[in-house]
Amino acid sequence: MFGKKKATLADVLTNIKIARNRVRIYKNRMKDRIEKYNQMSERNFGRFTAVSMEYMKEAEQLQRIIQFLNTIDILLEMAEIKIETIIYIGYIVN
């Protein structure tokens, strides 16, 4: 009686688009951070090699996370296309 109402396809599609935008924002932030870490590692390589190596490791980890976010973005895009197709077929049938 007091349960959640079921989400419509339009609601799901909206949530997917919002999630894709969030993924893009996260990717852009991480790309900026990778660029900063690379600059900092180059700057500190001669004086502080241990710190420079840590920056390089951090940049590599962020690069792996970006690859994972790219995969998530592709999966969300596929779901978005499928839901849009279902909605359009529903309009055609009705």
C-alpha atoms as a PDB file:
ATOM      1  CA  MET A   1       0.000   0.000   0.000  1.00  0.00           C
ATOM      2  CA  PHE A   2       2.798   2.413   0.851  1.00  0.00           C
ATOM      3  CA  GLY A   3       5.469   0.884  -1.383  1.00  0.00           C
ATOM      4  CA  LYS A   4       7.445   2.707  -4.010  1.00  0.00           C
ATOM      5  CA  LYS A   5       5.756   3.423  -7.283  1.00  0.00           C
ATOM      6  CA  LYS A   6       7.180   1.603 -10.252  1.00  0.00           C
ATOM      7  CA  ALA A   7       9.566   3.575 -12.394  1.00  0.00           C
ATOM      8  CA  THR A   8       8.453   4.156 -15.950  1.00  0.00           C
ATOM      9  CA  LEU A   9      10.765   3.660 -18.894  1.00  0.00           C
ATOM     10  CA  ALA A  10      11.083   7.431 -19.200  1.00  0.00           C
ATOM     11  CA  ASP A  11      12.270   7.614 -15.570  1.00  0.00           C
ATOM     12  CA  VAL A  12      14.814   4.862 -16.165  1.00  0.00           C
ATOM     13  CA  LEU A  13      16.013   6.598 -19.327  1.00  0.00           C
ATOM     14  CA  THR A  14      16.425   9.869 -17.435  1.00  0.00           C
ATOM     15  CA  ASN A  15      18.388   8.137 -14.673  1.00  0.00           C
ATOM     16  CA  ILE A  16      20.671   6.516 -17.242  1.00  0.00           C
ATOM     17  CA  LYS A  17      21.372   9.860 -18.907  1.00  0.00           C
ATOM     18  CA  ILE A  18      22.145  11.427 -15.523  1.00  0.00           C
ATOM     19  CA  ALA A  19      24.478   8.533 -14.684  1.00  0.00           C
ATOM     20  CA  ARG A  20      26.308   8.927 -18.012  1.00  0.00           C
ATOM     21  CA  ASN A  21      26.834  12.627 -17.320  1.00  0.00           C
ATOM     22  CA  ARG A  22      28.215  11.822 -13.869  1.00  0.00           C
ATOM     23  CA  VAL A  23      30.590   9.275 -15.381  1.00  0.00           C
ATOM     24  CA  ARG A  24      31.818  11.903 -17.863  1.00  0.00           C
ATOM     25  CA  ILE A  25      32.367  14.395 -15.058  1.00  0.00           C
ATOM     26  CA  TYR A  26      34.355  11.841 -13.037  1.00  0.00           C
ATOM     27  CA  LYS A  27      36.452  10.962 -16.088  1.00  0.00           C
ATOM     28  CA  ASN A  28      37.265  14.615 -16.765  1.00  0.00           C
ATOM     29  CA  ARG A  29      38.249  15.179 -13.137  1.00  0.00           C
ATOM     30  CA  MET A  30      40.516  12.151 -13.190  1.00  0.00           C
ATOM     31  CA  LYS A  31      42.123  13.198 -16.473  1.00  0.00           C
ATOM     32  CA  ASP A  32      42.924  16.574 -14.952  1.00  0.00           C
ATOM     33  CA  ARG A  33      44.344  14.895 -11.857  1.00  0.00           C
ATOM     34  CA  ILE A  34      46.476  12.557 -13.997  1.00  0.00           C
ATOM     35  CA  GLU A  35      47.862  15.559 -15.844  1.00  0.00           C
ATOM     36  CA  LYS A  36      48.722  17.270 -12.534  1.00  0.00           C
ATOM     37  CA  TYR A  37      50.374  14.132 -11.156  1.00  0.00           C
ATOM     38  CA  ASN A  38      52.456  13.738 -14.308  1.00  0.00           C
ATOM     39  CA  GLN A  39      53.598  17.353 -14.072  1.00  0.00           C
ATOM     40  CA  MET A  40      54.433  16.952 -10.385  1.00  0.00           C
ATOM     41  CA  SER A  41      56.357  13.734 -10.986  1.00  0.00           C
ATOM     42  CA  GLU A  42      58.401  15.377 -13.754  1.00  0.00           C
ATOM     43  CA  ARG A  43      59.116  18.378 -11.549  1.00  0.00           C
ATOM     44  CA  ASN A  44      60.232  16.291  -8.573  1.00  0.00           C
ATOM     45  CA  PHE A  45      62.044  13.487 -10.411  1.00  0.00           C
ATOM     46  CA  GLY A  46      65.563  14.759  -9.848  1.00  0.00           C
ATOM     47  CA  ARG A  47      65.204  15.800  -6.222  1.00  0.00           C
ATOM     48  CA  PHE A  48      62.588  13.447  -4.768  1.00  0.00           C
ATOM     49  CA  THR A  49      62.524  10.250  -6.779  1.00  0.00           C
ATOM     50  CA  ALA A  50      60.403   8.353  -4.225  1.00  0.00           C
ATOM     51  CA  VAL A  51      57.696  11.013  -4.295  1.00  0.00           C
ATOM     52  CA  SER A  52      57.883  11.140  -8.061  1.00  0.00           C
ATOM     53  CA  MET A  53      57.400   7.377  -8.294  1.00  0.00           C
ATOM     54  CA  GLU A  54      54.337   7.606  -6.041  1.00  0.00           C
ATOM     55  CA  TYR A  55      52.826  10.239  -8.339  1.00  0.00           C
ATOM     56  CA  MET A  56      53.469   7.982 -11.314  1.00  0.00           C
ATOM     57  CA  LYS A  57      51.795   5.019  -9.560  1.00  0.00           C
ATOM     58  CA  GLU A  58      48.812   7.181  -8.680  1.00  0.00           C
ATOM     59  CA  ALA A  59      48.516   8.320 -12.298  1.00  0.00           C
ATOM     60  CA  GLU A  60      48.572   4.686 -13.477  1.00  0.00           C
ATOM     61  CA  GLN A  61      45.831   3.745 -11.015  1.00  0.00           C
ATOM     62  CA  LEU A  62      43.693   6.659 -12.142  1.00  0.00           C
ATOM     63  CA  GLN A  63      44.232   5.581 -15.754  1.00  0.00           C
ATOM     64  CA  ARG A  64      42.885   2.116 -14.881  1.00  0.00           C
ATOM     65  CA  ILE A  65      39.880   3.699 -13.206  1.00  0.00           C
ATOM     66  CA  ILE A  66      39.249   5.786 -16.326  1.00  0.00           C
ATOM     67  CA  GLN A  67      39.283   2.608 -18.425  1.00  0.00           C
ATOM     68  CA  PHE A  68      36.709   1.096 -16.065  1.00  0.00           C
ATOM     69  CA  LEU A  69      34.577   4.255 -16.315  1.00  0.00           C
ATOM     70  CA  ASN A  70      34.776   4.035 -20.110  1.00  0.00           C
ATOM     71  CA  THR A  71      33.380   0.505 -19.890  1.00  0.00           C
ATOM     72  CA  ILE A  72      30.566   1.686 -17.626  1.00  0.00           C
ATOM     73  CA  ASP A  73      29.802   4.544 -20.017  1.00  0.00           C
ATOM     74  CA  ILE A  74      29.566   2.128 -22.950  1.00  0.00           C
ATOM     75  CA  LEU A  75      27.243  -0.191 -21.015  1.00  0.00           C
ATOM     76  CA  LEU A  76      25.038   2.731 -19.993  1.00  0.00           C
ATOM     77  CA  GLU A  77      24.930   3.932 -23.592  1.00  0.00           C
ATOM     78  CA  MET A  78      23.848   0.478 -24.745  1.00  0.00           C
ATOM     79  CA  ALA A  79      21.087   0.422 -22.118  1.00  0.00           C
ATOM     80  CA  GLU A  80      20.017   3.920 -23.150  1.00  0.00           C
ATOM     81  CA  ILE A  81      19.744   2.901 -26.800  1.00  0.00           C
ATOM     82  CA  LYS A  82      17.752  -0.217 -25.937  1.00  0.00           C
ATOM     83  CA  ILE A  83      15.312   1.677 -23.740  1.00  0.00           C
ATOM     84  CA  GLU A  84      14.875   4.407 -26.363  1.00  0.00           C
ATOM     85  CA  THR A  85      14.152   1.694 -28.927  1.00  0.00           C
ATOM     86  CA  ILE A  86      11.558   0.104 -26.647  1.00  0.00           C
ATOM     87  CA  ILE A  87       9.892   3.483 -26.097  1.00  0.00           C
ATOM     88  CA  TYR A  88       9.784   4.232 -29.833  1.00  0.00           C
ATOM     89  CA  ILE A  89       8.371   0.804 -30.631  1.00  0.00           C
ATOM     90  CA  GLY A  90       5.708   1.429 -27.982  1.00  0.00           C
ATOM     91  CA  TYR A  91       4.784   4.713 -29.701  1.00  0.00           C
ATOM     92  CA  ILE A  92       4.584   2.977 -33.077  1.00  0.00           C
ATOM     93  CA  VAL A  93       2.451   0.118 -31.773  1.00  0.00           C
ATOM     94  CA  ASN A  94       0.034   2.422 -29.967  1.00  0.00           C
END
